[in-house]
Amino acid sequence: MSNVAALLKCDWHTANKYVDKFEMREAFTELTESIIDLAESKLIENINDNDNTAIIFYLKTKGKHRGYIERSERDYTDKTIEIGLTD
């Protein structure tokens, strides 16, 4: 939407309203999806080139069901939580 706004020389919100007003939402969504397709194809190219960062990113996002996920584990055993109760 920022690119549309720049082309129309208006702010982002105005461009967004124009897309809706002139019934261009479907075209805008298709364009956005085609850019995502391009980005995914570049990611696959990087994976094929043995780019470890691309491989790790792909596994973290698409391989969650196989356990490729970063988890932040918290240890609450040594912490005391004080809760104020009212009568």
N, C-alpha and C. Protein backbone atom coordinates (compact mmCIF):
# COMPACT_ATOMS: atom_id res chain seq x y z
N MET A 1 0.83 -1.19 0.00
CA MET A 1 0.00 0.00 0.00
C MET A 1 0.87 1.25 0.00
N SER A 2 2.04 1.16 0.61
CA SER A 2 2.94 2.31 0.63
C SER A 2 3.37 2.72 -0.78
N ASN A 3 3.59 1.73 -1.63
CA ASN A 3 3.96 2.03 -3.02
C ASN A 3 2.80 2.69 -3.76
N VAL A 4 1.59 2.22 -3.53
CA VAL A 4 0.40 2.83 -4.14
C VAL A 4 0.29 4.28 -3.68
N ALA A 5 0.48 4.50 -2.41
CA ALA A 5 0.40 5.86 -1.86
C ALA A 5 1.46 6.76 -2.48
N ALA A 6 2.66 6.24 -2.66
CA ALA A 6 3.72 7.04 -3.27
C ALA A 6 3.38 7.40 -4.72
N LEU A 7 2.83 6.45 -5.45
CA LEU A 7 2.45 6.72 -6.84
C LEU A 7 1.32 7.75 -6.94
N LEU A 8 0.39 7.68 -6.00
CA LEU A 8 -0.73 8.61 -5.99
C LEU A 8 -0.40 9.92 -5.28
N LYS A 9 0.77 9.96 -4.66
CA LYS A 9 1.21 11.14 -3.90
C LYS A 9 0.21 11.50 -2.80
N CYS A 10 -0.12 10.48 -2.02
CA CYS A 10 -1.04 10.67 -0.89
C CYS A 10 -0.56 9.79 0.25
N ASP A 11 -1.21 9.89 1.39
CA ASP A 11 -0.78 9.05 2.50
C ASP A 11 -1.36 7.64 2.37
N TRP A 12 -0.88 6.76 3.21
CA TRP A 12 -1.23 5.35 3.15
C TRP A 12 -2.72 5.13 3.31
N HIS A 13 -3.33 5.83 4.27
CA HIS A 13 -4.75 5.64 4.55
C HIS A 13 -5.62 6.08 3.37
N THR A 14 -5.24 7.16 2.72
CA THR A 14 -5.98 7.63 1.55
C THR A 14 -5.88 6.61 0.42
N ALA A 15 -4.68 6.09 0.20
CA ALA A 15 -4.50 5.07 -0.84
C ALA A 15 -5.35 3.84 -0.54
N ASN A 16 -5.40 3.44 0.71
CA ASN A 16 -6.21 2.30 1.10
C ASN A 16 -7.69 2.55 0.81
N LYS A 17 -8.15 3.77 1.08
CA LYS A 17 -9.55 4.12 0.78
C LYS A 17 -9.81 4.10 -0.72
N TYR A 18 -8.86 4.60 -1.52
CA TYR A 18 -9.01 4.58 -2.98
C TYR A 18 -9.14 3.15 -3.51
N VAL A 19 -8.34 2.24 -2.95
CA VAL A 19 -8.40 0.84 -3.38
C VAL A 19 -9.80 0.29 -3.14
N ASP A 20 -10.38 0.60 -2.00
CA ASP A 20 -11.74 0.14 -1.71
C ASP A 20 -12.77 0.88 -2.55
N LYS A 21 -12.63 2.20 -2.67
CA LYS A 21 -13.62 3.01 -3.38
C LYS A 21 -13.74 2.60 -4.84
N PHE A 22 -12.62 2.32 -5.47
CA PHE A 22 -12.64 1.98 -6.89
C PHE A 22 -12.63 0.47 -7.12
N GLU A 23 -13.01 -0.28 -6.07
CA GLU A 23 -13.17 -1.73 -6.14
C GLU A 23 -11.94 -2.43 -6.73
N MET A 24 -10.80 -2.06 -6.19
CA MET A 24 -9.54 -2.65 -6.65
C MET A 24 -8.94 -3.58 -5.60
N ARG A 25 -9.66 -3.90 -4.54
CA ARG A 25 -9.11 -4.71 -3.45
C ARG A 25 -8.66 -6.08 -3.97
N GLU A 26 -9.47 -6.70 -4.83
CA GLU A 26 -9.10 -8.03 -5.35
C GLU A 26 -7.81 -7.96 -6.16
N ALA A 27 -7.67 -6.94 -7.00
CA ALA A 27 -6.45 -6.78 -7.80
C ALA A 27 -5.25 -6.52 -6.89
N PHE A 28 -5.46 -5.70 -5.86
CA PHE A 28 -4.38 -5.42 -4.92
C PHE A 28 -3.97 -6.69 -4.19
N THR A 29 -4.94 -7.49 -3.77
CA THR A 29 -4.64 -8.74 -3.07
C THR A 29 -3.90 -9.70 -3.99
N GLU A 30 -4.30 -9.78 -5.26
CA GLU A 30 -3.61 -10.66 -6.21
C GLU A 30 -2.16 -10.21 -6.41
N LEU A 31 -1.95 -8.91 -6.50
CA LEU A 31 -0.60 -8.38 -6.64
C LEU A 31 0.24 -8.74 -5.42
N THR A 32 -0.32 -8.55 -4.25
CA THR A 32 0.39 -8.88 -3.01
C THR A 32 0.75 -10.36 -2.98
N GLU A 33 -0.20 -11.21 -3.36
CA GLU A 33 0.05 -12.66 -3.38
C GLU A 33 1.15 -13.02 -4.37
N SER A 34 1.19 -12.35 -5.52
CA SER A 34 2.23 -12.65 -6.51
C SER A 34 3.61 -12.25 -5.99
N ILE A 35 3.68 -11.19 -5.20
CA ILE A 35 4.95 -10.79 -4.60
C ILE A 35 5.38 -11.81 -3.55
N ILE A 36 4.42 -12.33 -2.79
CA ILE A 36 4.74 -13.38 -1.81
C ILE A 36 5.25 -14.62 -2.54
N ASP A 37 4.61 -14.96 -3.66
CA ASP A 37 5.08 -16.10 -4.46
C ASP A 37 6.53 -15.90 -4.90
N LEU A 38 6.85 -14.68 -5.35
CA LEU A 38 8.21 -14.37 -5.77
C LEU A 38 9.19 -14.53 -4.61
N ALA A 39 8.82 -13.99 -3.45
CA ALA A 39 9.69 -14.09 -2.28
C ALA A 39 9.90 -15.55 -1.89
N GLU A 40 8.84 -16.35 -1.95
CA GLU A 40 8.96 -17.77 -1.62
C GLU A 40 9.89 -18.48 -2.61
N SER A 41 9.79 -18.13 -3.88
CA SER A 41 10.65 -18.77 -4.87
C SER A 41 12.12 -18.39 -4.62
N LYS A 42 12.38 -17.14 -4.22
CA LYS A 42 13.75 -16.72 -3.89
C LYS A 42 14.25 -17.46 -2.65
N LEU A 43 13.36 -17.66 -1.68
CA LEU A 43 13.74 -18.41 -0.49
C LEU A 43 14.13 -19.83 -0.87
N ILE A 44 13.35 -20.46 -1.72
CA ILE A 44 13.66 -21.83 -2.17
C ILE A 44 15.00 -21.85 -2.91
N GLU A 45 15.26 -20.83 -3.74
CA GLU A 45 16.56 -20.74 -4.42
C GLU A 45 17.69 -20.69 -3.41
N ASN A 46 17.51 -19.89 -2.36
CA ASN A 46 18.54 -19.79 -1.32
C ASN A 46 18.72 -21.11 -0.60
N ILE A 47 17.62 -21.81 -0.34
CA ILE A 47 17.72 -23.13 0.29
C ILE A 47 18.50 -24.08 -0.61
N ASN A 48 18.19 -24.05 -1.91
CA ASN A 48 18.90 -24.91 -2.87
C ASN A 48 20.39 -24.57 -2.96
N ASP A 49 20.75 -23.31 -2.64
CA ASP A 49 22.15 -22.88 -2.63
C ASP A 49 22.82 -23.13 -1.28
N ASN A 50 22.16 -23.91 -0.42
CA ASN A 50 22.67 -24.27 0.91
C ASN A 50 22.88 -23.07 1.83
N ASP A 51 22.01 -22.07 1.72
CA ASP A 51 22.05 -20.91 2.61
C ASP A 51 21.44 -21.32 3.95
N ASN A 52 22.29 -21.45 4.97
CA ASN A 52 21.83 -21.94 6.27
C ASN A 52 20.76 -21.05 6.89
N THR A 53 20.88 -19.74 6.72
CA THR A 53 19.87 -18.83 7.27
C THR A 53 18.51 -19.10 6.65
N ALA A 54 18.48 -19.29 5.34
CA ALA A 54 17.22 -19.59 4.65
C ALA A 54 16.66 -20.93 5.10
N ILE A 55 17.53 -21.89 5.26
CA ILE A 55 17.10 -23.22 5.71
C ILE A 55 16.49 -23.15 7.10
N ILE A 56 17.16 -22.48 8.01
CA ILE A 56 16.66 -22.36 9.38
C ILE A 56 15.34 -21.60 9.41
N PHE A 57 15.26 -20.50 8.65
CA PHE A 57 14.02 -19.73 8.60
C PHE A 57 12.87 -20.60 8.10
N TYR A 58 13.10 -21.34 7.04
CA TYR A 58 12.05 -22.19 6.48
C TYR A 58 11.59 -23.24 7.49
N LEU A 59 12.55 -23.88 8.14
CA LEU A 59 12.18 -24.91 9.10
C LEU A 59 11.42 -24.32 10.29
N LYS A 60 11.82 -23.14 10.75
CA LYS A 60 11.12 -22.51 11.88
C LYS A 60 9.70 -22.10 11.52
N THR A 61 9.46 -21.76 10.26
CA THR A 61 8.13 -21.30 9.87
C THR A 61 7.26 -22.41 9.30
N LYS A 62 7.84 -23.31 8.52
CA LYS A 62 7.05 -24.36 7.87
C LYS A 62 7.23 -25.73 8.51
N GLY A 63 8.24 -25.87 9.35
CA GLY A 63 8.51 -27.18 9.94
C GLY A 63 8.12 -27.28 11.40
N LYS A 64 7.26 -26.38 11.85
CA LYS A 64 6.85 -26.38 13.27
C LYS A 64 6.25 -27.72 13.68
N HIS A 65 5.46 -28.31 12.79
CA HIS A 65 4.79 -29.57 13.13
C HIS A 65 5.79 -30.71 13.32
N ARG A 66 7.04 -30.50 12.90
CA ARG A 66 8.08 -31.51 13.09
C ARG A 66 9.02 -31.15 14.24
N GLY A 67 8.69 -30.09 14.95
CA GLY A 67 9.48 -29.73 16.11
C GLY A 67 10.50 -28.62 15.88
N TYR A 68 10.55 -28.08 14.67
CA TYR A 68 11.49 -26.99 14.39
C TYR A 68 10.87 -25.68 14.83
N ILE A 69 11.00 -25.39 16.11
CA ILE A 69 10.42 -24.17 16.65
C ILE A 69 11.29 -23.70 17.81
N GLU A 70 11.43 -22.40 17.90
CA GLU A 70 12.15 -21.85 19.04
C GLU A 70 11.14 -21.57 20.12
N ARG A 71 11.47 -22.01 21.29
CA ARG A 71 10.58 -21.77 22.43
C ARG A 71 11.36 -21.00 23.48
N SER A 72 10.71 -20.03 24.05
CA SER A 72 11.34 -19.36 25.18
C SER A 72 10.79 -20.02 26.43
N GLU A 73 11.68 -20.65 27.16
CA GLU A 73 11.27 -21.34 28.37
C GLU A 73 11.55 -20.45 29.57
N ARG A 74 10.61 -20.39 30.47
CA ARG A 74 10.74 -19.56 31.65
C ARG A 74 10.70 -20.42 32.89
N ASP A 75 11.53 -20.06 33.84
CA ASP A 75 11.58 -20.77 35.10
C ASP A 75 10.98 -19.87 36.17
N TYR A 76 9.84 -20.26 36.68
CA TYR A 76 9.14 -19.47 37.69
C TYR A 76 9.32 -20.03 39.10
N THR A 77 10.15 -21.03 39.24
CA THR A 77 10.26 -21.70 40.54
C THR A 77 10.85 -20.82 41.64
N ASP A 78 11.72 -19.88 41.29
CA ASP A 78 12.36 -19.04 42.30
C ASP A 78 11.70 -17.67 42.44
N LYS A 79 10.60 -17.46 41.79
CA LYS A 79 9.96 -16.15 41.83
C LYS A 79 8.68 -16.21 42.66
N THR A 80 8.45 -15.19 43.44
CA THR A 80 7.25 -15.08 44.24
C THR A 80 6.36 -14.02 43.62
N ILE A 81 5.14 -14.37 43.36
CA ILE A 81 4.19 -13.42 42.80
C ILE A 81 3.25 -12.99 43.90
N GLU A 82 3.19 -11.71 44.13
CA GLU A 82 2.35 -11.18 45.19
C GLU A 82 1.05 -10.66 44.57
N ILE A 83 -0.05 -11.19 45.02
CA ILE A 83 -1.35 -10.79 44.50
C ILE A 83 -2.11 -10.10 45.63
N GLY A 84 -2.58 -8.90 45.35
CA GLY A 84 -3.35 -8.17 46.34
C GLY A 84 -4.81 -8.59 46.29
N LEU A 85 -5.34 -9.02 47.40
CA LEU A 85 -6.75 -9.42 47.47
C LEU A 85 -7.51 -8.42 48.31
N THR A 86 -8.73 -8.14 47.90
CA THR A 86 -9.57 -7.24 48.67
C THR A 86 -10.68 -8.02 49.33
N ASP A 87 -11.08 -7.60 50.50
CA ASP A 87 -12.17 -8.29 51.22
C ASP A 87 -13.51 -7.90 50.65
